[in-house]
Amino acid sequence: MAFLLGYGSALEWLRMADDEQLSAQVFGLSPLSLESGKLRLNRYLKRLSTLTQPLQLVVAFSANRRPSAVACCHAVSLPYEDYHGLRITRGLYCSTPALTFLQMASVLD
């Protein structure tokens, strides 16, 4: 189970990341792995405290979207394709720059 930062949160993290973080290995995350609990999210909040809240996370299915003061969930738009993420820490990933571009293109004019 993993969290995937997406959309504006991914863009913010990518802008703040250093070269070492940006050159980290890219992991393929199947849509089914993009689920996790609220308790696990609380563990990562300190590490992500510099990002604008609510965090924008990607989840595998619309049914897994949960309203929260700390997270806004977007359902995966390409259900049969693996999503790729840069590993921030175990269980926490950021959308790749290319995927972030596609995500932002879907919400901006």
PDB file of N, CA and C in Angstrom:
ATOM      1  N   MET A   1       0.837  -1.173   0.000  1.00  0.00           N
ATOM      2  CA  MET A   1       0.000   0.000   0.000  1.00  0.00           C
ATOM      3  C   MET A   1       0.888   1.244   0.000  1.00  0.00           C
ATOM      4  N   ALA A   2       0.500   2.209  -0.805  1.00  0.00           N
ATOM      5  CA  ALA A   2       1.337   3.392  -0.958  1.00  0.00           C
ATOM      6  C   ALA A   2       0.490   4.644  -1.153  1.00  0.00           C
ATOM      7  N   PHE A   3       1.084   5.758  -0.826  1.00  0.00           N
ATOM      8  CA  PHE A   3       0.503   7.065  -1.125  1.00  0.00           C
ATOM      9  C   PHE A   3       1.256   7.633  -2.316  1.00  0.00           C
ATOM     10  N   LEU A   4       0.539   8.270  -3.217  1.00  0.00           N
ATOM     11  CA  LEU A   4       1.162   8.908  -4.372  1.00  0.00           C
ATOM     12  C   LEU A   4       0.730  10.364  -4.404  1.00  0.00           C
ATOM     13  N   LEU A   5       1.693  11.265  -4.184  1.00  0.00           N
ATOM     14  CA  LEU A   5       1.403  12.693  -4.329  1.00  0.00           C
ATOM     15  C   LEU A   5       1.128  12.965  -5.795  1.00  0.00           C
ATOM     16  N   GLY A   6       0.151  13.767  -6.061  1.00  0.00           N
ATOM     17  CA  GLY A   6      -0.161  14.098  -7.434  1.00  0.00           C
ATOM     18  C   GLY A   6      -0.557  15.545  -7.573  1.00  0.00           C
ATOM     19  N   TYR A   7      -0.796  15.952  -8.800  1.00  0.00           N
ATOM     20  CA  TYR A   7      -1.314  17.274  -9.128  1.00  0.00           C
ATOM     21  C   TYR A   7      -0.469  18.377  -8.478  1.00  0.00           C
ATOM     22  N   GLY A   8      -1.098  19.336  -7.831  1.00  0.00           N
ATOM     23  CA  GLY A   8      -0.381  20.478  -7.265  1.00  0.00           C
ATOM     24  C   GLY A   8       0.622  20.106  -6.189  1.00  0.00           C
ATOM     25  N   SER A   9       0.307  19.082  -5.382  1.00  0.00           N
ATOM     26  CA  SER A   9       1.243  18.653  -4.330  1.00  0.00           C
ATOM     27  C   SER A   9       2.509  18.067  -4.944  1.00  0.00           C
ATOM     28  N   ALA A  10       2.357  17.304  -6.011  1.00  0.00           N
ATOM     29  CA  ALA A  10       3.524  16.748  -6.691  1.00  0.00           C
ATOM     30  C   ALA A  10       4.368  17.871  -7.296  1.00  0.00           C
ATOM     31  N   LEU A  11       3.696  18.838  -7.907  1.00  0.00           N
ATOM     32  CA  LEU A  11       4.405  19.960  -8.507  1.00  0.00           C
ATOM     33  C   LEU A  11       5.216  20.718  -7.447  1.00  0.00           C
ATOM     34  N   GLU A  12       4.605  20.970  -6.298  1.00  0.00           N
ATOM     35  CA  GLU A  12       5.318  21.650  -5.206  1.00  0.00           C
ATOM     36  C   GLU A  12       6.515  20.842  -4.742  1.00  0.00           C
ATOM     37  N   TRP A  13       6.322  19.529  -4.544  1.00  0.00           N
ATOM     38  CA  TRP A  13       7.419  18.699  -4.058  1.00  0.00           C
ATOM     39  C   TRP A  13       8.557  18.649  -5.080  1.00  0.00           C
ATOM     40  N   LEU A  14       8.213  18.526  -6.357  1.00  0.00           N
ATOM     41  CA  LEU A  14       9.239  18.475  -7.398  1.00  0.00           C
ATOM     42  C   LEU A  14      10.037  19.778  -7.445  1.00  0.00           C
ATOM     43  N   ARG A  15       9.375  20.901  -7.219  1.00  0.00           N
ATOM     44  CA  ARG A  15      10.080  22.190  -7.215  1.00  0.00           C
ATOM     45  C   ARG A  15      11.034  22.313  -6.032  1.00  0.00           C
ATOM     46  N   MET A  16      10.692  21.692  -4.902  1.00  0.00           N
ATOM     47  CA  MET A  16      11.519  21.794  -3.697  1.00  0.00           C
ATOM     48  C   MET A  16      12.592  20.713  -3.608  1.00  0.00           C
ATOM     49  N   ALA A  17      12.438  19.633  -4.348  1.00  0.00           N
ATOM     50  CA  ALA A  17      13.338  18.494  -4.240  1.00  0.00           C
ATOM     51  C   ALA A  17      14.737  18.848  -4.723  1.00  0.00           C
ATOM     52  N   ASP A  18      15.718  18.226  -4.089  1.00  0.00           N
ATOM     53  CA  ASP A  18      17.091  18.447  -4.534  1.00  0.00           C
ATOM     54  C   ASP A  18      17.437  17.435  -5.635  1.00  0.00           C
ATOM     55  N   ASP A  19      18.615  17.607  -6.222  1.00  0.00           N
ATOM     56  CA  ASP A  19      19.021  16.759  -7.350  1.00  0.00           C
ATOM     57  C   ASP A  19      19.033  15.276  -6.989  1.00  0.00           C
ATOM     58  N   GLU A  20      19.448  14.955  -5.771  1.00  0.00           N
ATOM     59  CA  GLU A  20      19.513  13.557  -5.346  1.00  0.00           C
ATOM     60  C   GLU A  20      18.109  12.938  -5.318  1.00  0.00           C
ATOM     61  N   GLN A  21      17.152  13.677  -4.812  1.00  0.00           N
ATOM     62  CA  GLN A  21      15.783  13.169  -4.761  1.00  0.00           C
ATOM     63  C   GLN A  21      15.202  13.013  -6.163  1.00  0.00           C
ATOM     64  N   LEU A  22      15.525  13.962  -7.046  1.00  0.00           N
ATOM     65  CA  LEU A  22      14.986  13.908  -8.400  1.00  0.00           C
ATOM     66  C   LEU A  22      15.617  12.812  -9.245  1.00  0.00           C
ATOM     67  N   SER A  23      16.830  12.395  -8.874  1.00  0.00           N
ATOM     68  CA  SER A  23      17.476  11.318  -9.621  1.00  0.00           C
ATOM     69  C   SER A  23      17.213   9.964  -8.981  1.00  0.00           C
ATOM     70  N   ALA A  24      16.313   9.920  -8.004  1.00  0.00           N
ATOM     71  CA  ALA A  24      15.979   8.663  -7.344  1.00  0.00           C
ATOM     72  C   ALA A  24      15.341   7.701  -8.333  1.00  0.00           C
ATOM     73  N   GLN A  25      15.411   6.440  -7.987  1.00  0.00           N
ATOM     74  CA  GLN A  25      14.832   5.411  -8.847  1.00  0.00           C
ATOM     75  C   GLN A  25      13.323   5.611  -8.954  1.00  0.00           C
ATOM     76  N   VAL A  26      12.828   5.447 -10.158  1.00  0.00           N
ATOM     77  CA  VAL A  26      11.388   5.551 -10.411  1.00  0.00           C
ATOM     78  C   VAL A  26      10.779   4.160 -10.219  1.00  0.00           C
ATOM     79  N   PHE A  27       9.720   4.103  -9.452  1.00  0.00           N
ATOM     80  CA  PHE A  27       9.044   2.839  -9.177  1.00  0.00           C
ATOM     81  C   PHE A  27       7.716   2.789  -9.902  1.00  0.00           C
ATOM     82  N   GLY A  28       7.387   1.653 -10.443  1.00  0.00           N
ATOM     83  CA  GLY A  28       6.061   1.441 -11.012  1.00  0.00           C
ATOM     84  C   GLY A  28       5.106   1.069  -9.894  1.00  0.00           C
ATOM     85  N   LEU A  29       3.992   1.754  -9.825  1.00  0.00           N
ATOM     86  CA  LEU A  29       2.989   1.484  -8.793  1.00  0.00           C
ATOM     87  C   LEU A  29       1.714   1.055  -9.493  1.00  0.00           C
ATOM     88  N   SER A  30       1.286  -0.154  -9.241  1.00  0.00           N
ATOM     89  CA  SER A  30       0.035  -0.571  -9.878  1.00  0.00           C
ATOM     90  C   SER A  30      -1.105   0.182  -9.213  1.00  0.00           C
ATOM     91  N   PRO A  31      -2.163   0.466  -9.943  1.00  0.00           N
ATOM     92  CA  PRO A  31      -3.286   1.187  -9.352  1.00  0.00           C
ATOM     93  C   PRO A  31      -3.810   0.546  -8.073  1.00  0.00           C
ATOM     94  N   LEU A  32      -3.729  -0.783  -7.975  1.00  0.00           N
ATOM     95  CA  LEU A  32      -4.232  -1.446  -6.776  1.00  0.00           C
ATOM     96  C   LEU A  32      -3.398  -1.135  -5.543  1.00  0.00           C
ATOM     97  N   SER A  33      -2.151  -0.694  -5.737  1.00  0.00           N
ATOM     98  CA  SER A  33      -1.299  -0.406  -4.577  1.00  0.00           C
ATOM     99  C   SER A  33      -1.511   1.008  -4.050  1.00  0.00           C
ATOM    100  N   LEU A  34      -2.288   1.816  -4.743  1.00  0.00           N
ATOM    101  CA  LEU A  34      -2.450   3.205  -4.345  1.00  0.00           C
ATOM    102  C   LEU A  34      -3.567   3.369  -3.310  1.00  0.00           C
ATOM    103  N   GLU A  35      -3.503   2.587  -2.279  1.00  0.00           N
ATOM    104  CA  GLU A  35      -4.489   2.651  -1.203  1.00  0.00           C
ATOM    105  C   GLU A  35      -3.731   2.662   0.109  1.00  0.00           C
ATOM    106  N   SER A  36      -4.223   3.380   1.054  1.00  0.00           N
ATOM    107  CA  SER A  36      -3.611   3.367   2.368  1.00  0.00           C
ATOM    108  C   SER A  36      -4.555   4.012   3.353  1.00  0.00           C
ATOM    109  N   GLY A  37      -4.280   3.838   4.607  1.00  0.00           N
ATOM    110  CA  GLY A  37      -5.176   4.343   5.634  1.00  0.00           C
ATOM    111  C   GLY A  37      -4.815   5.727   6.127  1.00  0.00           C
ATOM    112  N   LYS A  38      -5.775   6.317   6.820  1.00  0.00           N
ATOM    113  CA  LYS A  38      -5.587   7.657   7.371  1.00  0.00           C
ATOM    114  C   LYS A  38      -4.471   7.674   8.412  1.00  0.00           C
ATOM    115  N   LEU A  39      -4.345   6.603   9.181  1.00  0.00           N
ATOM    116  CA  LEU A  39      -3.291   6.537  10.189  1.00  0.00           C
ATOM    117  C   LEU A  39      -1.912   6.595   9.550  1.00  0.00           C
ATOM    118  N   ARG A  40      -1.759   5.898   8.424  1.00  0.00           N
ATOM    119  CA  ARG A  40      -0.467   5.936   7.733  1.00  0.00           C
ATOM    120  C   ARG A  40      -0.185   7.323   7.192  1.00  0.00           C
ATOM    121  N   LEU A  41      -1.213   8.009   6.719  1.00  0.00           N
ATOM    122  CA  LEU A  41      -1.022   9.361   6.204  1.00  0.00           C
ATOM    123  C   LEU A  41      -0.506  10.280   7.310  1.00  0.00           C
ATOM    124  N   ASN A  42      -1.011  10.133   8.502  1.00  0.00           N
ATOM    125  CA  ASN A  42      -0.569  10.970   9.621  1.00  0.00           C
ATOM    126  C   ASN A  42       0.928  10.838   9.878  1.00  0.00           C
ATOM    127  N   ARG A  43       1.508   9.664   9.599  1.00  0.00           N
ATOM    128  CA  ARG A  43       2.952   9.476   9.774  1.00  0.00           C
ATOM    129  C   ARG A  43       3.759  10.368   8.828  1.00  0.00           C
ATOM    130  N   TYR A  44       3.200  10.639   7.661  1.00  0.00           N
ATOM    131  CA  TYR A  44       3.930  11.402   6.651  1.00  0.00           C
ATOM    132  C   TYR A  44       3.680  12.905   6.730  1.00  0.00           C
ATOM    133  N   LEU A  45       2.715  13.329   7.503  1.00  0.00           N
ATOM    134  CA  LEU A  45       2.337  14.740   7.509  1.00  0.00           C
ATOM    135  C   LEU A  45       3.480  15.661   7.931  1.00  0.00           C
ATOM    136  N   LYS A  46       4.298  15.257   8.902  1.00  0.00           N
ATOM    137  CA  LYS A  46       5.429  16.097   9.318  1.00  0.00           C
ATOM    138  C   LYS A  46       6.416  16.269   8.169  1.00  0.00           C
ATOM    139  N   ARG A  47       6.666  15.185   7.473  1.00  0.00           N
ATOM    140  CA  ARG A  47       7.621  15.235   6.358  1.00  0.00           C
ATOM    141  C   ARG A  47       7.098  16.119   5.223  1.00  0.00           C
ATOM    142  N   LEU A  48       5.779  16.212   5.096  1.00  0.00           N
ATOM    143  CA  LEU A  48       5.164  16.977   4.019  1.00  0.00           C
ATOM    144  C   LEU A  48       4.569  18.294   4.494  1.00  0.00           C
ATOM    145  N   SER A  49       4.960  18.736   5.678  1.00  0.00           N
ATOM    146  CA  SER A  49       4.351  19.930   6.278  1.00  0.00           C
ATOM    147  C   SER A  49       4.619  21.207   5.489  1.00  0.00           C
ATOM    148  N   THR A  50       5.637  21.223   4.644  1.00  0.00           N
ATOM    149  CA  THR A  50       5.928  22.422   3.857  1.00  0.00           C
ATOM    150  C   THR A  50       5.033  22.547   2.633  1.00  0.00           C
ATOM    151  N   LEU A  51       4.312  21.480   2.294  1.00  0.00           N
ATOM    152  CA  LEU A  51       3.421  21.514   1.135  1.00  0.00           C
ATOM    153  C   LEU A  51       2.071  22.115   1.515  1.00  0.00           C
ATOM    154  N   THR A  52       1.460  22.784   0.562  1.00  0.00           N
ATOM    155  CA  THR A  52       0.137  23.375   0.762  1.00  0.00           C
ATOM    156  C   THR A  52      -0.869  22.266   1.069  1.00  0.00           C
ATOM    157  N   GLN A  53      -1.676  22.522   2.079  1.00  0.00           N
ATOM    158  CA  GLN A  53      -2.694  21.536   2.445  1.00  0.00           C
ATOM    159  C   GLN A  53      -4.052  22.013   1.979  1.00  0.00           C
ATOM    160  N   PRO A  54      -4.969  21.177   1.612  1.00  0.00           N
ATOM    161  CA  PRO A  54      -4.853  19.725   1.700  1.00  0.00           C
ATOM    162  C   PRO A  54      -3.925  19.157   0.624  1.00  0.00           C
ATOM    163  N   LEU A  55      -3.242  18.077   0.990  1.00  0.00           N
ATOM    164  CA  LEU A  55      -2.380  17.383   0.038  1.00  0.00           C
ATOM    165  C   LEU A  55      -3.244  16.781  -1.058  1.00  0.00           C
ATOM    166  N   GLN A  56      -2.716  16.751  -2.250  1.00  0.00           N
ATOM    167  CA  GLN A  56      -3.433  16.133  -3.367  1.00  0.00           C
ATOM    168  C   GLN A  56      -2.814  14.765  -3.618  1.00  0.00           C
ATOM    169  N   LEU A  57      -3.611  13.735  -3.361  1.00  0.00           N
ATOM    170  CA  LEU A  57      -3.159  12.355  -3.497  1.00  0.00           C
ATOM    171  C   LEU A  57      -3.911  11.662  -4.620  1.00  0.00           C
ATOM    172  N   VAL A  58      -3.271  10.664  -5.208  1.00  0.00           N
ATOM    173  CA  VAL A  58      -3.886   9.866  -6.252  1.00  0.00           C
ATOM    174  C   VAL A  58      -4.283   8.527  -5.634  1.00  0.00           C
ATOM    175  N   VAL A  59      -5.535   8.119  -5.862  1.00  0.00           N
ATOM    176  CA  VAL A  59      -6.017   6.823  -5.391  1.00  0.00           C
ATOM    177  C   VAL A  59      -6.490   6.008  -6.586  1.00  0.00           C
ATOM    178  N   ALA A  60      -6.589   4.705  -6.399  1.00  0.00           N
ATOM    179  CA  ALA A  60      -6.899   3.827  -7.525  1.00  0.00           C
ATOM    180  C   ALA A  60      -8.349   3.885  -7.978  1.00  0.00           C
ATOM    181  N   PHE A  61      -9.256   4.067  -7.067  1.00  0.00           N
ATOM    182  CA  PHE A  61     -10.666   4.005  -7.427  1.00  0.00           C
ATOM    183  C   PHE A  61     -11.433   5.164  -6.805  1.00  0.00           C
ATOM    184  N   SER A  62     -12.446   5.634  -7.487  1.00  0.00           N
ATOM    185  CA  SER A  62     -13.267   6.738  -6.975  1.00  0.00           C
ATOM    186  C   SER A  62     -13.858   6.416  -5.608  1.00  0.00           C
ATOM    187  N   ALA A  63     -14.183   5.166  -5.374  1.00  0.00           N
ATOM    188  CA  ALA A  63     -14.770   4.759  -4.092  1.00  0.00           C
ATOM    189  C   ALA A  63     -13.795   4.950  -2.927  1.00  0.00           C
ATOM    190  N   ASN A  64     -12.507   5.066  -3.218  1.00  0.00           N
ATOM    191  CA  ASN A  64     -11.507   5.223  -2.153  1.00  0.00           C
ATOM    192  C   ASN A  64     -11.227   6.681  -1.811  1.00  0.00           C
ATOM    193  N   ARG A  65     -11.916   7.587  -2.466  1.00  0.00           N
ATOM    194  CA  ARG A  65     -11.734   9.000  -2.161  1.00  0.00           C
ATOM    195  C   ARG A  65     -12.447   9.294  -0.848  1.00  0.00           C
ATOM    196  N   ARG A  66     -11.745   9.923   0.062  1.00  0.00           N
ATOM    197  CA  ARG A  66     -12.311  10.255   1.365  1.00  0.00           C
ATOM    198  C   ARG A  66     -12.119  11.739   1.625  1.00  0.00           C
ATOM    199  N   PRO A  67     -13.189  12.443   1.959  1.00  0.00           N
ATOM    200  CA  PRO A  67     -13.024  13.861   2.287  1.00  0.00           C
ATOM    201  C   PRO A  67     -12.222  14.007   3.573  1.00  0.00           C
ATOM    202  N   SER A  68     -11.300  14.951   3.563  1.00  0.00           N
ATOM    203  CA  SER A  68     -10.436  15.141   4.726  1.00  0.00           C
ATOM    204  C   SER A  68      -9.901  16.559   4.715  1.00  0.00           C
ATOM    205  N   ALA A  69      -9.556  17.054   5.892  1.00  0.00           N
ATOM    206  CA  ALA A  69      -8.964  18.384   5.997  1.00  0.00           C
ATOM    207  C   ALA A  69      -7.517  18.378   5.517  1.00  0.00           C
ATOM    208  N   VAL A  70      -6.881  17.198   5.510  1.00  0.00           N
ATOM    209  CA  VAL A  70      -5.464  17.129   5.155  1.00  0.00           C
ATOM    210  C   VAL A  70      -5.198  16.559   3.774  1.00  0.00           C
ATOM    211  N   ALA A  71      -6.198  15.957   3.141  1.00  0.00           N
ATOM    212  CA  ALA A  71      -5.951  15.338   1.838  1.00  0.00           C
ATOM    213  C   ALA A  71      -7.162  15.451   0.923  1.00  0.00           C
ATOM    214  N   CYS A  72      -6.863  15.724  -0.330  1.00  0.00           N
ATOM    215  CA  CYS A  72      -7.868  15.726  -1.395  1.00  0.00           C
ATOM    216  C   CYS A  72      -7.446  14.597  -2.343  1.00  0.00           C
ATOM    217  N   CYS A  73      -8.334  13.658  -2.576  1.00  0.00           N
ATOM    218  CA  CYS A  73      -7.982  12.492  -3.380  1.00  0.00           C
ATOM    219  C   CYS A  73      -8.533  12.583  -4.789  1.00  0.00           C
ATOM    220  N   HIS A  74      -7.680  12.275  -5.741  1.00  0.00           N
ATOM    221  CA  HIS A  74      -8.052  12.222  -7.153  1.00  0.00           C
ATOM    222  C   HIS A  74      -8.006  10.759  -7.578  1.00  0.00           C
ATOM    223  N   ALA A  75      -9.028  10.295  -8.249  1.00  0.00           N
ATOM    224  CA  ALA A  75      -9.046   8.915  -8.732  1.00  0.00           C
ATOM    225  C   ALA A  75      -8.166   8.786  -9.970  1.00  0.00           C
ATOM    226  N   VAL A  76      -7.536   7.639 -10.113  1.00  0.00           N
ATOM    227  CA  VAL A  76      -6.689   7.339 -11.261  1.00  0.00           C
ATOM    228  C   VAL A  76      -7.519   7.479 -12.526  1.00  0.00           C
ATOM    229  N   SER A  77      -6.965   8.152 -13.510  1.00  0.00           N
ATOM    230  CA  SER A  77      -7.702   8.346 -14.765  1.00  0.00           C
ATOM    231  C   SER A  77      -7.385   7.273 -15.800  1.00  0.00           C
ATOM    232  N   LEU A  78      -6.290   6.567 -15.630  1.00  0.00           N
ATOM    233  CA  LEU A  78      -5.898   5.494 -16.552  1.00  0.00           C
ATOM    234  C   LEU A  78      -5.801   4.187 -15.761  1.00  0.00           C
ATOM    235  N   PRO A  79      -6.913   3.512 -15.525  1.00  0.00           N
ATOM    236  CA  PRO A  79      -6.921   2.385 -14.590  1.00  0.00           C
ATOM    237  C   PRO A  79      -6.076   1.186 -14.975  1.00  0.00           C
ATOM    238  N   TYR A  80      -5.770   1.010 -16.250  1.00  0.00           N
ATOM    239  CA  TYR A  80      -5.033  -0.188 -16.632  1.00  0.00           C
ATOM    240  C   TYR A  80      -3.538   0.057 -16.812  1.00  0.00           C
ATOM    241  N   GLU A  81      -3.120   1.261 -16.567  1.00  0.00           N
ATOM    242  CA  GLU A  81      -1.711   1.588 -16.758  1.00  0.00           C
ATOM    243  C   GLU A  81      -1.043   1.778 -15.404  1.00  0.00           C
ATOM    244  N   ASP A  82       0.165   1.276 -15.277  1.00  0.00           N
ATOM    245  CA  ASP A  82       0.896   1.499 -14.038  1.00  0.00           C
ATOM    246  C   ASP A  82       1.261   2.968 -13.916  1.00  0.00           C
ATOM    247  N   TYR A  83       1.182   3.466 -12.729  1.00  0.00           N
ATOM    248  CA  TYR A  83       1.625   4.821 -12.444  1.00  0.00           C
ATOM    249  C   TYR A  83       3.049   4.734 -11.925  1.00  0.00           C
ATOM    250  N   HIS A  84       3.831   5.753 -12.220  1.00  0.00           N
ATOM    251  CA  HIS A  84       5.218   5.759 -11.795  1.00  0.00           C
ATOM    252  C   HIS A  84       5.430   6.887 -10.801  1.00  0.00           C
ATOM    253  N   GLY A  85       6.262   6.602  -9.818  1.00  0.00           N
ATOM    254  CA  GLY A  85       6.520   7.615  -8.809  1.00  0.00           C
ATOM    255  C   GLY A  85       7.964   7.613  -8.345  1.00  0.00           C
ATOM    256  N   LEU A  86       8.419   8.779  -7.951  1.00  0.00           N
ATOM    257  CA  LEU A  86       9.728   8.922  -7.324  1.00  0.00           C
ATOM    258  C   LEU A  86       9.540   8.613  -5.845  1.00  0.00           C
ATOM    259  N   ARG A  87      10.387   7.780  -5.304  1.00  0.00           N
ATOM    260  CA  ARG A  87      10.245   7.394  -3.900  1.00  0.00           C
ATOM    261  C   ARG A  87      10.730   8.524  -2.992  1.00  0.00           C
ATOM    262  N   ILE A  88       9.836   8.995  -2.141  1.00  0.00           N
ATOM    263  CA  ILE A  88      10.190   9.989  -1.129  1.00  0.00           C
ATOM    264  C   ILE A  88      10.688   9.252   0.103  1.00  0.00           C
ATOM    265  N   THR A  89       9.931   8.270   0.518  1.00  0.00           N
ATOM    266  CA  THR A  89      10.285   7.376   1.613  1.00  0.00           C
ATOM    267  C   THR A  89       9.436   6.129   1.459  1.00  0.00           C
ATOM    268  N   ARG A  90       9.680   5.134   2.260  1.00  0.00           N
ATOM    269  CA  ARG A  90       8.927   3.880   2.135  1.00  0.00           C
ATOM    270  C   ARG A  90       7.420   4.150   2.230  1.00  0.00           C
ATOM    271  N   GLY A  91       6.706   3.756   1.183  1.00  0.00           N
ATOM    272  CA  GLY A  91       5.258   3.910   1.164  1.00  0.00           C
ATOM    273  C   GLY A  91       4.754   5.268   0.717  1.00  0.00           C
ATOM    274  N   LEU A  92       5.664   6.177   0.386  1.00  0.00           N
ATOM    275  CA  LEU A  92       5.276   7.521  -0.044  1.00  0.00           C
ATOM    276  C   LEU A  92       6.037   7.872  -1.313  1.00  0.00           C
ATOM    277  N   TYR A  93       5.285   8.210  -2.361  1.00  0.00           N
ATOM    278  CA  TYR A  93       5.868   8.489  -3.668  1.00  0.00           C
ATOM    279  C   TYR A  93       5.322   9.795  -4.206  1.00  0.00           C
ATOM    280  N   CYS A  94       6.046  10.349  -5.164  1.00  0.00           N
ATOM    281  CA  CYS A  94       5.608  11.555  -5.865  1.00  0.00           C
ATOM    282  C   CYS A  94       5.488  11.203  -7.344  1.00  0.00           C
ATOM    283  N   SER A  95       4.458  11.683  -7.981  1.00  0.00           N
ATOM    284  CA  SER A  95       4.306  11.460  -9.424  1.00  0.00           C
ATOM    285  C   SER A  95       5.562  11.938 -10.146  1.00  0.00           C
ATOM    286  N   THR A  96       5.913  11.255 -11.204  1.00  0.00           N
ATOM    287  CA  THR A  96       7.067  11.670 -11.996  1.00  0.00           C
ATOM    288  C   THR A  96       6.761  13.032 -12.635  1.00  0.00           C
ATOM    289  N   PRO A  97       7.784  13.756 -13.068  1.00  0.00           N
ATOM    290  CA  PRO A  97       7.525  15.037 -13.732  1.00  0.00           C
ATOM    291  C   PRO A  97       6.583  14.903 -14.933  1.00  0.00           C
ATOM    292  N   ALA A  98       6.741  13.861 -15.726  1.00  0.00           N
ATOM    293  CA  ALA A  98       5.877  13.687 -16.899  1.00  0.00           C
ATOM    294  C   ALA A  98       4.430  13.435 -16.482  1.00  0.00           C
ATOM    295  N   LEU A  99       4.220  12.599 -15.490  1.00  0.00           N
ATOM    296  CA  LEU A  99       2.866  12.320 -15.022  1.00  0.00           C
ATOM    297  C   LEU A  99       2.259  13.557 -14.363  1.00  0.00           C
ATOM    298  N   THR A 100       3.073  14.303 -13.629  1.00  0.00           N
ATOM    299  CA  THR A 100       2.590  15.542 -13.007  1.00  0.00           C
ATOM    300  C   THR A 100       2.151  16.535 -14.075  1.00  0.00           C
ATOM    301  N   PHE A 101       2.909  16.624 -15.163  1.00  0.00           N
ATOM    302  CA  PHE A 101       2.535  17.498 -16.272  1.00  0.00           C
ATOM    303  C   PHE A 101       1.161  17.121 -16.814  1.00  0.00           C
ATOM    304  N   LEU A 102       0.934  15.825 -17.017  1.00  0.00           N
ATOM    305  CA  LEU A 102      -0.362  15.363 -17.526  1.00  0.00           C
ATOM    306  C   LEU A 102      -1.491  15.636 -16.536  1.00  0.00           C
ATOM    307  N   GLN A 103      -1.209  15.437 -15.258  1.00  0.00           N
ATOM    308  CA  GLN A 103      -2.220  15.695 -14.235  1.00  0.00           C
ATOM    309  C   GLN A 103      -2.588  17.176 -14.211  1.00  0.00           C
ATOM    310  N   MET A 104      -1.593  18.035 -14.234  1.00  0.00           N
ATOM    311  CA  MET A 104      -1.858  19.479 -14.182  1.00  0.00           C
ATOM    312  C   MET A 104      -2.546  19.951 -15.454  1.00  0.00           C
ATOM    313  N   ALA A 105      -2.215  19.348 -16.593  1.00  0.00           N
ATOM    314  CA  ALA A 105      -2.861  19.724 -17.849  1.00  0.00           C
ATOM    315  C   ALA A 105      -4.354  19.422 -17.820  1.00  0.00           C
ATOM    316  N   SER A 106      -4.740  18.440 -17.024  1.00  0.00           N
ATOM    317  CA  SER A 106      -6.154  18.079 -16.951  1.00  0.00           C
ATOM    318  C   SER A 106      -6.968  19.007 -16.058  1.00  0.00           C
ATOM    319  N   VAL A 107      -6.285  19.836 -15.253  1.00  0.00           N
ATOM    320  CA  VAL A 107      -7.015  20.717 -14.333  1.00  0.00           C
ATOM    321  C   VAL A 107      -6.797  22.211 -14.599  1.00  0.00           C
ATOM    322  N   LEU A 108      -5.846  22.536 -15.453  1.00  0.00           N
ATOM    323  CA  LEU A 108      -5.577  23.944 -15.763  1.00  0.00           C
ATOM    324  C   LEU A 108      -6.161  24.323 -17.107  1.00  0.00           C
ATOM    325  N   ASP A 109      -6.391  25.611 -17.294  1.00  0.00           N
ATOM    326  CA  ASP A 109      -6.879  26.105 -18.590  1.00  0.00           C
ATOM    327  C   ASP A 109      -5.825  25.925 -19.669  1.00  0.00           C
TER     328      ASP A 109
END
